[in-house]
Amino acid sequence: IAHQGRQPLNALGLLIANIKDAYEYNELDKATLDKSVKDGQRMIQKMSTTIDDFRNFFKPSTEKKCFRMFEGTVEAVRLVEGSFKNQNIEIINESCGAPCFVDGYPNEYSQVVLNALTNAKDAIVGKGVAGKIHIRVEMRGALAVLSVQDNGGGIPEEIMDKVFDPYFTTKEKGTGIGLYMSKMIMEKMGGDIAIRNFKDGAEVLITLPPAKEPAQIKTA
């Protein structure tokens, strides 16, 4: 929870700083304030829901839901896009083809995406480049696939087979739990997560079988 909550807390801190700056430069009109309050409340609610979902993670009574993979991805992106922009990291988020409906745990899925984004950010910051993260949701054969690509230099081949091991980390303040938990979450939903080096960075592939009855989900 501490690892996953750090990014939305940073984003919330940045939001508060932006409100202060807007006030000092006489740019804090009602529309700006209303939007900032709405964004802040969404972040707080997301963190609260995250705590509840992690607390209930191992309880078998948790029910699966049908949800759009892209919407679950957007939820994670919203939490970090402010802090990523502040670090000169661009996030490109796209959904290709027909909507990908899957059965699973939407908030836990968003946590997996959040962890993938956090790892990508850390790699980019460590390399010291203008960052770019490309997110793509689409059907590939019989599976719904989320691809998260970064330009952070990739993963050394000698540790590639260890990245999902519990407590394995190359970060100075890392816990080694993020990817391990992500693997558990995806397997619990009947899916999978994999990592490979791709072009000038790494690519995380998150896969789930499509929902059996997607028509039951309500769409806006």
Protein backbone atom coordinates (compact mmCIF):
# COMPACT_ATOMS: atom_id res chain seq x y z
CA ILE A 1 0.00 0.00 0.00
CA ALA A 2 2.87 2.37 0.83
CA HIS A 3 4.52 1.62 -2.52
CA GLN A 4 1.32 2.03 -4.55
CA GLY A 5 0.14 5.08 -2.62
CA ARG A 6 3.27 7.17 -3.08
CA GLN A 7 2.47 8.28 -6.63
CA PRO A 8 -1.12 9.47 -6.01
CA LEU A 9 0.10 11.26 -2.88
CA ASN A 10 2.76 13.00 -4.97
CA ALA A 11 0.09 13.90 -7.53
CA LEU A 12 -2.11 15.28 -4.76
CA GLY A 13 0.79 17.35 -3.42
CA LEU A 14 1.40 18.75 -6.90
CA LEU A 15 -2.29 19.61 -7.22
CA ILE A 16 -2.19 21.57 -3.96
CA ALA A 17 0.95 23.41 -5.10
CA ASN A 18 -0.79 24.33 -8.38
CA ILE A 19 -3.74 25.79 -6.44
CA LYS A 20 -1.35 27.94 -4.41
CA ASP A 21 0.44 29.14 -7.55
CA ALA A 22 -2.85 29.94 -9.27
CA TYR A 23 -3.89 32.03 -6.26
CA GLU A 24 -0.61 33.94 -6.11
CA TYR A 25 -0.79 34.77 -9.83
CA ASN A 26 -4.50 35.72 -9.64
CA GLU A 27 -5.47 32.79 -11.86
CA LEU A 28 -7.63 30.96 -9.33
CA ASP A 29 -11.09 31.41 -10.79
CA LYS A 30 -14.11 29.30 -9.85
CA ALA A 31 -13.68 26.90 -12.79
CA THR A 32 -10.04 26.21 -11.88
CA LEU A 33 -10.91 25.72 -8.21
CA ASP A 34 -13.85 23.41 -8.98
CA LYS A 35 -11.72 21.27 -11.27
CA SER A 36 -8.89 21.05 -8.73
CA VAL A 37 -11.27 20.07 -5.94
CA LYS A 38 -12.87 17.42 -8.14
CA ASP A 39 -9.48 15.99 -9.13
CA GLY A 40 -8.31 15.95 -5.52
CA GLN A 41 -11.45 14.22 -4.29
CA ARG A 42 -11.06 11.58 -7.01
CA MET A 43 -7.47 10.89 -5.94
CA ILE A 44 -8.46 10.60 -2.28
CA GLN A 45 -11.34 8.26 -3.08
CA LYS A 46 -9.07 6.12 -5.24
CA MET A 47 -6.53 5.79 -2.43
CA SER A 48 -9.28 4.90 0.04
CA THR A 49 -10.64 2.25 -2.30
CA THR A 50 -7.12 0.92 -2.83
CA ILE A 51 -6.64 0.43 0.92
CA ASP A 52 -9.94 -1.46 1.16
CA ASP A 53 -9.15 -3.65 -1.84
CA PHE A 54 -5.68 -4.55 -0.57
CA ARG A 55 -7.14 -5.34 2.83
CA ASN A 56 -9.67 -7.67 1.22
CA PHE A 57 -7.27 -9.04 -1.38
CA PHE A 58 -6.98 -12.56 0.00
CA LYS A 59 -10.64 -12.97 0.92
CA PRO A 60 -12.30 -15.44 -1.48
CA SER A 61 -15.65 -13.62 -1.16
CA THR A 62 -14.43 -10.80 -3.42
CA GLU A 63 -16.62 -10.85 -6.53
CA LYS A 64 -15.37 -10.50 -10.05
CA LYS A 65 -16.91 -7.80 -12.21
CA CYS A 66 -17.11 -7.18 -15.91
CA PHE A 67 -15.26 -3.99 -16.85
CA ARG A 68 -13.59 -2.30 -19.78
CA MET A 69 -9.85 -2.83 -19.72
CA PHE A 70 -9.22 0.65 -21.12
CA GLU A 71 -11.27 2.35 -18.40
CA GLY A 72 -9.36 0.51 -15.69
CA THR A 73 -6.16 1.69 -17.35
CA VAL A 74 -7.35 5.30 -17.50
CA GLU A 75 -8.03 5.24 -13.75
CA ALA A 76 -4.37 4.45 -13.06
CA VAL A 77 -3.13 7.04 -15.55
CA ARG A 78 -5.23 9.78 -13.97
CA LEU A 79 -3.54 9.26 -10.63
CA VAL A 80 -0.02 9.85 -11.95
CA GLU A 81 -0.28 12.00 -15.07
CA GLY A 82 0.27 15.24 -13.12
CA SER A 83 3.48 14.08 -11.44
CA PHE A 84 4.70 12.40 -14.65
CA LYS A 85 4.21 15.62 -16.60
CA ASN A 86 6.17 17.46 -13.92
CA GLN A 87 9.09 15.08 -14.60
CA ASN A 88 8.89 15.57 -18.36
CA ILE A 89 7.34 12.14 -19.02
CA GLU A 90 4.67 11.95 -21.70
CA ILE A 91 1.95 9.29 -21.44
CA ILE A 92 0.26 8.21 -24.68
CA ASN A 93 -2.85 6.17 -23.91
CA GLU A 94 -4.89 4.56 -26.68
CA SER A 95 -7.54 1.91 -27.17
CA CYS A 96 -7.53 0.08 -30.51
CA GLY A 97 -10.38 -1.76 -32.15
CA ALA A 98 -13.49 -2.92 -30.30
CA PRO A 99 -13.72 -2.32 -26.52
CA CYS A 100 -11.99 -5.04 -24.46
CA PHE A 101 -14.38 -6.28 -21.78
CA VAL A 102 -12.84 -8.54 -19.14
CA ASP A 103 -13.92 -10.23 -15.91
CA GLY A 104 -11.87 -9.38 -12.83
CA TYR A 105 -11.26 -6.90 -10.05
CA PRO A 106 -11.16 -3.38 -11.54
CA ASN A 107 -9.32 -1.65 -8.71
CA GLU A 108 -6.71 -4.40 -8.35
CA TYR A 109 -6.22 -4.32 -12.12
CA SER A 110 -5.63 -0.56 -11.88
CA GLN A 111 -3.00 -1.25 -9.22
CA VAL A 112 -1.15 -3.54 -11.63
CA VAL A 113 -1.20 -0.79 -14.25
CA LEU A 114 -0.09 1.76 -11.65
CA ASN A 115 2.87 -0.43 -10.70
CA ALA A 116 3.86 -0.81 -14.37
CA LEU A 117 3.72 2.97 -14.82
CA THR A 118 5.74 3.58 -11.65
CA ASN A 119 8.46 1.17 -12.76
CA ALA A 120 8.57 2.80 -16.19
CA LYS A 121 8.91 6.23 -14.59
CA ASP A 122 11.73 5.07 -12.31
CA ALA A 123 13.62 3.61 -15.29
CA ILE A 124 13.20 6.82 -17.31
CA VAL A 125 14.26 9.07 -14.43
CA GLY A 126 17.27 6.83 -13.81
CA LYS A 127 18.32 7.13 -17.44
CA GLY A 128 17.86 10.92 -17.41
CA VAL A 129 15.98 11.22 -20.71
CA ALA A 130 12.81 12.95 -21.87
CA GLY A 131 10.39 10.17 -21.07
CA LYS A 132 7.70 8.61 -23.19
CA ILE A 133 5.31 5.86 -22.08
CA HIS A 134 3.05 4.33 -24.70
CA ILE A 135 -0.03 2.46 -23.45
CA ARG A 136 -2.15 0.39 -25.81
CA VAL A 137 -5.23 -1.76 -25.16
CA GLU A 138 -6.41 -4.17 -27.84
CA MET A 139 -7.52 -7.69 -28.63
CA ARG A 140 -4.71 -9.98 -29.80
CA GLY A 141 -6.13 -13.27 -30.90
CA ALA A 142 -8.22 -14.68 -28.04
CA LEU A 143 -6.81 -12.36 -25.36
CA ALA A 144 -7.34 -8.77 -24.24
CA VAL A 145 -3.90 -7.19 -23.99
CA LEU A 146 -2.53 -4.07 -22.32
CA SER A 147 0.94 -3.03 -23.49
CA VAL A 148 2.99 -0.50 -21.50
CA GLN A 149 6.15 0.54 -23.36
CA ASP A 150 8.78 2.96 -22.07
CA ASN A 151 12.08 4.41 -23.27
CA GLY A 152 13.93 3.83 -20.01
CA GLY A 153 16.69 1.63 -21.40
CA GLY A 154 15.24 -1.80 -20.65
CA ILE A 155 16.11 -4.51 -18.12
CA PRO A 156 19.51 -6.24 -17.93
CA GLU A 157 19.13 -9.74 -19.35
CA GLU A 158 20.87 -11.32 -16.37
CA ILE A 159 18.04 -10.31 -14.02
CA MET A 160 15.10 -10.68 -16.41
CA ASP A 161 14.06 -14.04 -14.92
CA LYS A 162 14.10 -12.61 -11.37
CA VAL A 163 11.91 -9.52 -11.71
CA PHE A 164 8.76 -11.27 -10.44
CA ASP A 165 10.50 -12.87 -7.45
CA PRO A 166 9.32 -11.53 -4.06
CA TYR A 167 11.71 -9.02 -2.47
CA PHE A 168 13.96 -8.86 -5.52
CA THR A 169 14.74 -5.26 -6.40
CA THR A 170 17.49 -3.18 -7.98
CA LYS A 171 16.17 0.08 -6.49
CA GLU A 172 17.89 1.66 -3.51
CA LYS A 173 14.57 2.10 -1.68
CA GLY A 174 12.62 -0.63 -3.45
CA THR A 175 10.64 -3.32 -1.66
CA GLY A 176 10.62 -5.98 -4.38
CA ILE A 177 6.90 -6.48 -3.81
CA GLY A 178 5.30 -4.52 -6.67
CA LEU A 179 5.79 -6.94 -9.55
CA TYR A 180 5.31 -9.97 -7.30
CA MET A 181 1.92 -8.62 -6.20
CA SER A 182 1.06 -7.74 -9.80
CA LYS A 183 1.75 -11.34 -10.83
CA MET A 184 -0.49 -12.64 -8.04
CA ILE A 185 -3.30 -10.27 -8.94
CA MET A 186 -3.24 -11.19 -12.62
CA GLU A 187 -3.14 -14.92 -11.89
CA LYS A 188 -6.06 -14.49 -9.49
CA MET A 189 -8.05 -12.97 -12.36
CA GLY A 190 -7.06 -15.79 -14.72
CA GLY A 191 -4.63 -13.60 -16.62
CA ASP A 192 -0.90 -12.99 -16.76
CA ILE A 193 1.79 -10.31 -16.78
CA ALA A 194 5.12 -10.50 -18.58
CA ILE A 195 8.05 -8.17 -19.26
CA ARG A 196 10.43 -8.01 -22.18
CA ASN A 197 12.93 -5.54 -23.58
CA PHE A 198 11.51 -3.64 -26.53
CA LYS A 199 13.30 -1.06 -28.70
CA ASP A 200 14.93 1.47 -26.33
CA GLY A 201 13.13 0.36 -23.19
CA ALA A 202 10.92 -2.29 -21.63
CA GLU A 203 7.42 -3.49 -22.44
CA VAL A 204 4.98 -4.84 -19.87
CA LEU A 205 2.28 -7.09 -21.32
CA ILE A 206 -0.84 -7.61 -19.22
CA THR A 207 -3.25 -10.20 -20.62
CA LEU A 208 -6.74 -11.34 -19.69
CA PRO A 209 -9.31 -13.56 -21.38
CA PRO A 210 -12.32 -11.57 -22.63
CA ALA A 211 -15.47 -11.45 -20.52
CA LYS A 212 -17.94 -14.25 -21.11
CA GLU A 213 -20.97 -11.92 -21.03
CA PRO A 214 -19.79 -8.37 -21.80
CA ALA A 215 -23.31 -7.21 -22.68
CA GLN A 216 -24.16 -7.10 -18.95
CA ILE A 217 -21.85 -4.18 -18.26
CA LYS A 218 -23.33 -0.68 -18.31
CA THR A 219 -21.57 1.82 -20.53
CA ALA A 220 -21.94 5.58 -20.48
